[in-house]
Amino acid sequence: MCWHVDYVKAEPKGAGRSGVIEQGSPIDAGESLLIFANFEKKDELSKQNTVDAVTFEIQKIAAQLKVGTIVLNPFAHLFGDNASPQESAIMLSMLEKSLLDRNFTVKKMSFGIFYELELKAKGHPLSRISRSF
């Protein structure tokens, strides 16, 4: 899921229940695309293809909206067949690198950490987008 935001601030508040917990650090970004990223079990079989498809879609949306900053938020939804925390963390890092390689400014929330979020989301037709691959 992707939200176009005027700004987003994220403050780590504690570890989740995941088997993978990274050191949490605060995020403070101006206008950006806030990506709620979730990977599913089927994505584990073709990590690079999944990351390439997600990167392409993010690039397309960012170009339409003229946005150069991406904020990645690991987000395990409550339905579907989620990938393992270990594989999800790997794919999220792959996505971060892929976006950095394409000259985006990338801020990644730590995997396995709950964040308190403050944001101002825009209200235009492309301000909330959901994609599945």
N, C-alpha and C. Protein backbone atom coordinates (compact mmCIF):
# COMPACT_ATOMS: atom_id res chain seq x y z
N MET A 1 0.86 -1.15 0.00
CA MET A 1 0.00 0.00 0.00
C MET A 1 0.91 1.23 0.00
N CYS A 2 0.51 2.27 -0.72
CA CYS A 2 1.32 3.46 -0.89
C CYS A 2 0.47 4.69 -0.60
N TRP A 3 0.98 5.58 0.26
CA TRP A 3 0.31 6.84 0.56
C TRP A 3 1.24 7.97 0.16
N HIS A 4 0.70 8.97 -0.51
CA HIS A 4 1.45 10.19 -0.82
C HIS A 4 1.23 11.13 0.36
N VAL A 5 2.33 11.52 1.01
CA VAL A 5 2.21 12.33 2.22
C VAL A 5 3.00 13.62 2.11
N ASP A 6 2.51 14.65 2.80
CA ASP A 6 3.26 15.90 2.92
C ASP A 6 4.46 15.71 3.84
N TYR A 7 4.26 14.91 4.88
CA TYR A 7 5.35 14.57 5.78
C TYR A 7 4.97 13.31 6.55
N VAL A 8 6.00 12.66 7.09
CA VAL A 8 5.79 11.53 8.00
C VAL A 8 6.89 11.55 9.05
N LYS A 9 6.47 11.37 10.29
CA LYS A 9 7.41 11.23 11.41
C LYS A 9 7.08 9.90 12.07
N ALA A 10 8.11 9.15 12.39
CA ALA A 10 7.91 7.85 13.01
C ALA A 10 8.89 7.70 14.17
N GLU A 11 8.35 7.36 15.30
CA GLU A 11 9.15 7.20 16.52
C GLU A 11 9.03 5.75 16.99
N PRO A 12 10.17 5.03 17.13
CA PRO A 12 10.10 3.65 17.59
C PRO A 12 9.58 3.59 19.02
N LYS A 13 8.66 2.65 19.27
CA LYS A 13 8.05 2.55 20.60
C LYS A 13 8.26 1.19 21.26
N GLY A 14 8.74 0.21 20.52
CA GLY A 14 8.98 -1.08 21.15
C GLY A 14 9.00 -2.20 20.14
N ALA A 15 9.53 -3.32 20.58
CA ALA A 15 9.66 -4.48 19.72
C ALA A 15 8.32 -5.18 19.54
N GLY A 16 8.13 -5.71 18.36
CA GLY A 16 6.93 -6.49 18.06
C GLY A 16 7.14 -7.95 18.42
N ARG A 17 6.34 -8.81 17.82
CA ARG A 17 6.39 -10.24 18.12
C ARG A 17 7.22 -11.02 17.10
N SER A 18 7.82 -10.30 16.17
CA SER A 18 8.57 -10.91 15.08
C SER A 18 9.82 -11.62 15.61
N GLY A 19 10.27 -12.63 14.88
CA GLY A 19 11.53 -13.30 15.20
C GLY A 19 12.72 -12.46 14.76
N VAL A 20 12.48 -11.41 13.99
CA VAL A 20 13.54 -10.51 13.52
C VAL A 20 13.22 -9.12 14.06
N ILE A 21 14.14 -8.58 14.83
CA ILE A 21 13.94 -7.25 15.39
C ILE A 21 15.22 -6.45 15.16
N GLU A 22 15.09 -5.38 14.37
CA GLU A 22 16.22 -4.50 14.10
C GLU A 22 16.22 -3.36 15.10
N GLN A 23 17.34 -2.70 15.24
CA GLN A 23 17.44 -1.52 16.10
C GLN A 23 16.56 -0.43 15.53
N GLY A 24 15.64 0.08 16.32
CA GLY A 24 14.72 1.13 15.86
C GLY A 24 15.35 2.50 15.89
N SER A 25 15.06 3.28 14.87
CA SER A 25 15.53 4.67 14.86
C SER A 25 14.42 5.56 14.31
N PRO A 26 14.38 6.81 14.77
CA PRO A 26 13.32 7.73 14.33
C PRO A 26 13.44 8.05 12.84
N ILE A 27 12.30 8.37 12.24
CA ILE A 27 12.22 8.78 10.83
C ILE A 27 11.55 10.15 10.81
N ASP A 28 12.09 11.03 9.99
CA ASP A 28 11.47 12.35 9.78
C ASP A 28 11.66 12.69 8.31
N ALA A 29 10.58 12.64 7.55
CA ALA A 29 10.66 12.88 6.10
C ALA A 29 9.61 13.88 5.69
N GLY A 30 9.96 14.72 4.74
CA GLY A 30 9.00 15.64 4.14
C GLY A 30 8.16 14.90 3.11
N GLU A 31 7.78 15.60 2.05
CA GLU A 31 6.93 14.98 1.03
C GLU A 31 7.57 13.67 0.57
N SER A 32 6.77 12.62 0.57
CA SER A 32 7.30 11.30 0.23
C SER A 32 6.17 10.34 -0.11
N LEU A 33 6.58 9.18 -0.58
CA LEU A 33 5.67 8.05 -0.70
C LEU A 33 5.92 7.15 0.49
N LEU A 34 4.90 6.93 1.28
CA LEU A 34 4.97 6.04 2.44
C LEU A 34 4.48 4.68 1.97
N ILE A 35 5.39 3.72 1.93
CA ILE A 35 5.09 2.39 1.42
C ILE A 35 4.90 1.44 2.59
N PHE A 36 3.70 0.88 2.72
CA PHE A 36 3.42 -0.17 3.70
C PHE A 36 3.71 -1.48 2.98
N ALA A 37 4.89 -2.04 3.21
CA ALA A 37 5.37 -3.18 2.43
C ALA A 37 5.14 -4.49 3.16
N ASN A 38 4.52 -5.42 2.47
CA ASN A 38 4.30 -6.76 3.00
C ASN A 38 4.69 -7.77 1.94
N PHE A 39 5.38 -8.80 2.35
CA PHE A 39 5.76 -9.88 1.44
C PHE A 39 5.06 -11.15 1.84
N GLU A 40 4.68 -11.93 0.85
CA GLU A 40 3.97 -13.17 1.10
C GLU A 40 4.86 -14.38 0.82
N LYS A 41 4.43 -15.52 1.31
CA LYS A 41 5.18 -16.75 1.19
C LYS A 41 5.61 -17.01 -0.27
N LYS A 42 4.70 -16.77 -1.22
CA LYS A 42 5.01 -17.03 -2.64
C LYS A 42 6.16 -16.15 -3.13
N ASP A 43 6.37 -14.99 -2.51
CA ASP A 43 7.44 -14.08 -2.90
C ASP A 43 8.82 -14.64 -2.56
N GLU A 44 8.88 -15.54 -1.59
CA GLU A 44 10.15 -16.13 -1.19
C GLU A 44 10.79 -16.92 -2.32
N LEU A 45 9.97 -17.44 -3.24
CA LEU A 45 10.47 -18.27 -4.34
C LEU A 45 11.13 -17.44 -5.44
N SER A 46 10.80 -16.17 -5.51
CA SER A 46 11.37 -15.31 -6.55
C SER A 46 11.60 -13.91 -5.99
N LYS A 47 12.47 -13.83 -5.00
CA LYS A 47 12.72 -12.57 -4.30
C LYS A 47 13.08 -11.44 -5.27
N GLN A 48 14.05 -11.69 -6.15
CA GLN A 48 14.52 -10.62 -7.03
C GLN A 48 13.42 -10.17 -7.99
N ASN A 49 12.66 -11.11 -8.53
CA ASN A 49 11.55 -10.73 -9.43
C ASN A 49 10.51 -9.89 -8.69
N THR A 50 10.22 -10.25 -7.46
CA THR A 50 9.26 -9.50 -6.65
C THR A 50 9.77 -8.09 -6.39
N VAL A 51 11.02 -7.98 -5.96
CA VAL A 51 11.62 -6.68 -5.66
C VAL A 51 11.67 -5.83 -6.93
N ASP A 52 12.02 -6.44 -8.06
CA ASP A 52 12.06 -5.69 -9.32
C ASP A 52 10.68 -5.15 -9.68
N ALA A 53 9.64 -5.96 -9.51
CA ALA A 53 8.27 -5.53 -9.84
C ALA A 53 7.82 -4.40 -8.92
N VAL A 54 8.12 -4.52 -7.63
CA VAL A 54 7.75 -3.49 -6.67
C VAL A 54 8.52 -2.20 -6.96
N THR A 55 9.80 -2.32 -7.24
CA THR A 55 10.62 -1.15 -7.56
C THR A 55 10.06 -0.43 -8.79
N PHE A 56 9.73 -1.18 -9.82
CA PHE A 56 9.18 -0.60 -11.05
C PHE A 56 7.90 0.18 -10.75
N GLU A 57 7.02 -0.41 -9.96
CA GLU A 57 5.75 0.24 -9.65
C GLU A 57 5.96 1.50 -8.81
N ILE A 58 6.86 1.44 -7.84
CA ILE A 58 7.16 2.62 -7.03
C ILE A 58 7.75 3.72 -7.91
N GLN A 59 8.66 3.36 -8.81
CA GLN A 59 9.24 4.34 -9.73
C GLN A 59 8.16 5.02 -10.56
N LYS A 60 7.22 4.22 -11.06
CA LYS A 60 6.15 4.74 -11.89
C LYS A 60 5.29 5.75 -11.12
N ILE A 61 4.90 5.38 -9.91
CA ILE A 61 4.06 6.26 -9.08
C ILE A 61 4.85 7.52 -8.71
N ALA A 62 6.11 7.35 -8.31
CA ALA A 62 6.93 8.49 -7.91
C ALA A 62 7.12 9.47 -9.08
N ALA A 63 7.28 8.94 -10.28
CA ALA A 63 7.44 9.81 -11.45
C ALA A 63 6.15 10.59 -11.71
N GLN A 64 5.01 9.93 -11.60
CA GLN A 64 3.73 10.60 -11.81
C GLN A 64 3.54 11.74 -10.82
N LEU A 65 3.96 11.51 -9.58
CA LEU A 65 3.73 12.48 -8.51
C LEU A 65 4.93 13.41 -8.28
N LYS A 66 6.02 13.13 -9.01
CA LYS A 66 7.25 13.93 -8.87
C LYS A 66 7.76 13.93 -7.43
N VAL A 67 7.90 12.72 -6.89
CA VAL A 67 8.36 12.52 -5.52
C VAL A 67 9.68 11.76 -5.55
N GLY A 68 10.66 12.23 -4.77
CA GLY A 68 11.97 11.60 -4.76
C GLY A 68 12.32 10.88 -3.48
N THR A 69 11.44 10.94 -2.48
CA THR A 69 11.71 10.30 -1.19
C THR A 69 10.71 9.17 -0.96
N ILE A 70 11.25 8.03 -0.56
CA ILE A 70 10.44 6.84 -0.27
C ILE A 70 10.66 6.46 1.19
N VAL A 71 9.58 6.25 1.92
CA VAL A 71 9.66 5.76 3.30
C VAL A 71 9.08 4.35 3.30
N LEU A 72 9.92 3.39 3.68
CA LEU A 72 9.50 1.99 3.72
C LEU A 72 9.08 1.61 5.13
N ASN A 73 7.86 1.10 5.25
CA ASN A 73 7.32 0.66 6.54
C ASN A 73 6.98 -0.82 6.41
N PRO A 74 7.75 -1.70 7.07
CA PRO A 74 7.39 -3.12 7.04
C PRO A 74 6.02 -3.28 7.69
N PHE A 75 5.13 -3.97 7.00
CA PHE A 75 3.74 -4.02 7.43
C PHE A 75 3.18 -5.41 7.15
N ALA A 76 3.04 -6.22 8.18
CA ALA A 76 2.46 -7.55 8.02
C ALA A 76 0.96 -7.46 8.26
N HIS A 77 0.19 -7.60 7.20
CA HIS A 77 -1.26 -7.51 7.36
C HIS A 77 -1.80 -8.80 7.97
N LEU A 78 -3.04 -8.76 8.32
CA LEU A 78 -3.64 -9.87 9.07
C LEU A 78 -4.29 -10.93 8.20
N PHE A 79 -4.13 -10.82 6.89
CA PHE A 79 -4.69 -11.83 6.00
C PHE A 79 -3.63 -12.24 5.00
N GLY A 80 -3.88 -13.27 4.26
CA GLY A 80 -2.89 -13.76 3.31
C GLY A 80 -1.91 -14.69 4.00
N ASP A 81 -0.94 -15.12 3.24
CA ASP A 81 0.07 -16.06 3.71
C ASP A 81 1.40 -15.33 3.75
N ASN A 82 1.68 -14.67 4.85
CA ASN A 82 2.88 -13.84 4.97
C ASN A 82 4.16 -14.66 4.85
N ALA A 83 5.17 -14.03 4.25
CA ALA A 83 6.51 -14.63 4.22
C ALA A 83 7.04 -14.67 5.65
N SER A 84 8.06 -15.47 5.87
CA SER A 84 8.66 -15.52 7.20
C SER A 84 9.29 -14.17 7.52
N PRO A 85 9.39 -13.83 8.79
CA PRO A 85 10.03 -12.55 9.15
C PRO A 85 11.45 -12.43 8.57
N GLN A 86 12.19 -13.52 8.60
CA GLN A 86 13.56 -13.49 8.08
C GLN A 86 13.56 -13.15 6.59
N GLU A 87 12.72 -13.81 5.81
CA GLU A 87 12.66 -13.57 4.36
C GLU A 87 12.09 -12.19 4.05
N SER A 88 11.12 -11.75 4.83
CA SER A 88 10.55 -10.41 4.64
C SER A 88 11.61 -9.34 4.87
N ALA A 89 12.40 -9.49 5.94
CA ALA A 89 13.46 -8.52 6.24
C ALA A 89 14.48 -8.47 5.11
N ILE A 90 14.82 -9.62 4.56
CA ILE A 90 15.76 -9.68 3.43
C ILE A 90 15.19 -8.95 2.23
N MET A 91 13.93 -9.22 1.89
CA MET A 91 13.32 -8.59 0.71
C MET A 91 13.16 -7.08 0.92
N LEU A 92 12.85 -6.65 2.13
CA LEU A 92 12.73 -5.23 2.40
C LEU A 92 14.09 -4.54 2.21
N SER A 93 15.15 -5.17 2.66
CA SER A 93 16.49 -4.61 2.45
C SER A 93 16.86 -4.59 0.97
N MET A 94 16.47 -5.63 0.24
CA MET A 94 16.69 -5.66 -1.21
C MET A 94 15.95 -4.51 -1.89
N LEU A 95 14.71 -4.26 -1.45
CA LEU A 95 13.92 -3.17 -2.01
C LEU A 95 14.58 -1.83 -1.70
N GLU A 96 15.04 -1.65 -0.48
CA GLU A 96 15.73 -0.41 -0.11
C GLU A 96 16.92 -0.17 -1.03
N LYS A 97 17.76 -1.19 -1.23
CA LYS A 97 18.94 -1.05 -2.08
C LYS A 97 18.54 -0.75 -3.52
N SER A 98 17.52 -1.43 -4.01
CA SER A 98 17.06 -1.22 -5.38
C SER A 98 16.61 0.23 -5.59
N LEU A 99 15.91 0.78 -4.63
CA LEU A 99 15.45 2.17 -4.72
C LEU A 99 16.62 3.15 -4.61
N LEU A 100 17.55 2.87 -3.71
CA LEU A 100 18.74 3.71 -3.58
C LEU A 100 19.54 3.70 -4.89
N ASP A 101 19.65 2.55 -5.52
CA ASP A 101 20.36 2.42 -6.80
C ASP A 101 19.71 3.26 -7.90
N ARG A 102 18.44 3.61 -7.72
CA ARG A 102 17.71 4.43 -8.69
C ARG A 102 17.60 5.88 -8.23
N ASN A 103 18.49 6.24 -7.31
CA ASN A 103 18.65 7.62 -6.85
C ASN A 103 17.48 8.18 -6.04
N PHE A 104 16.70 7.31 -5.43
CA PHE A 104 15.70 7.79 -4.49
C PHE A 104 16.37 8.03 -3.14
N THR A 105 15.83 8.96 -2.38
CA THR A 105 16.16 9.06 -0.97
C THR A 105 15.25 8.07 -0.27
N VAL A 106 15.84 7.16 0.50
CA VAL A 106 15.05 6.10 1.13
C VAL A 106 15.25 6.14 2.63
N LYS A 107 14.15 6.09 3.35
CA LYS A 107 14.17 5.97 4.81
C LYS A 107 13.37 4.72 5.14
N LYS A 108 13.99 3.81 5.88
CA LYS A 108 13.35 2.53 6.18
C LYS A 108 13.12 2.41 7.68
N MET A 109 11.86 2.16 8.02
CA MET A 109 11.56 1.85 9.42
C MET A 109 12.13 0.47 9.73
N SER A 110 12.56 0.30 10.94
CA SER A 110 13.20 -0.95 11.33
C SER A 110 12.20 -2.09 11.38
N PHE A 111 12.66 -3.25 10.94
CA PHE A 111 11.83 -4.44 10.94
C PHE A 111 11.62 -4.92 12.37
N GLY A 112 10.39 -5.30 12.70
CA GLY A 112 10.07 -5.86 14.00
C GLY A 112 9.85 -4.84 15.10
N ILE A 113 9.74 -3.56 14.71
CA ILE A 113 9.56 -2.49 15.68
C ILE A 113 8.20 -1.82 15.46
N PHE A 114 7.49 -1.54 16.53
CA PHE A 114 6.27 -0.75 16.45
C PHE A 114 6.66 0.72 16.48
N TYR A 115 6.06 1.49 15.59
CA TYR A 115 6.33 2.92 15.51
C TYR A 115 5.05 3.71 15.80
N GLU A 116 5.23 4.83 16.48
CA GLU A 116 4.17 5.82 16.58
C GLU A 116 4.33 6.70 15.34
N LEU A 117 3.25 6.88 14.59
CA LEU A 117 3.31 7.64 13.35
C LEU A 117 2.57 8.96 13.46
N GLU A 118 3.18 9.97 12.89
CA GLU A 118 2.52 11.25 12.68
C GLU A 118 2.70 11.55 11.20
N LEU A 119 1.60 11.85 10.51
CA LEU A 119 1.71 12.12 9.09
C LEU A 119 0.58 13.00 8.62
N LYS A 120 0.81 13.59 7.48
CA LYS A 120 -0.24 14.34 6.81
C LYS A 120 -0.32 13.77 5.40
N ALA A 121 -1.42 13.07 5.14
CA ALA A 121 -1.60 12.44 3.83
C ALA A 121 -2.34 13.39 2.90
N LYS A 122 -1.94 13.35 1.66
CA LYS A 122 -2.61 14.17 0.65
C LYS A 122 -3.97 13.57 0.32
N GLY A 123 -4.81 14.30 -0.42
CA GLY A 123 -6.17 13.84 -0.69
C GLY A 123 -6.53 13.80 -2.15
N HIS A 124 -5.56 13.58 -3.03
CA HIS A 124 -5.86 13.52 -4.46
C HIS A 124 -6.10 12.07 -4.89
N PRO A 125 -6.53 11.83 -6.12
CA PRO A 125 -6.89 10.47 -6.57
C PRO A 125 -5.77 9.44 -6.48
N LEU A 126 -4.50 9.86 -6.56
CA LEU A 126 -3.39 8.91 -6.46
C LEU A 126 -2.75 8.90 -5.08
N SER A 127 -3.40 9.49 -4.09
CA SER A 127 -2.78 9.61 -2.77
C SER A 127 -2.83 8.32 -1.97
N ARG A 128 -3.68 7.38 -2.33
CA ARG A 128 -3.74 6.07 -1.65
C ARG A 128 -3.84 5.01 -2.74
N ILE A 129 -2.81 4.18 -2.84
CA ILE A 129 -2.75 3.16 -3.88
C ILE A 129 -2.40 1.84 -3.25
N SER A 130 -3.03 0.78 -3.70
CA SER A 130 -2.71 -0.56 -3.23
C SER A 130 -2.36 -1.42 -4.43
N ARG A 131 -1.29 -2.20 -4.29
CA ARG A 131 -0.87 -3.09 -5.37
C ARG A 131 -0.51 -4.44 -4.78
N SER A 132 -0.79 -5.49 -5.55
CA SER A 132 -0.35 -6.86 -5.20
C SER A 132 0.41 -7.41 -6.40
N PHE A 133 1.43 -8.19 -6.10
CA PHE A 133 2.23 -8.79 -7.18
C PHE A 133 2.28 -10.29 -7.02
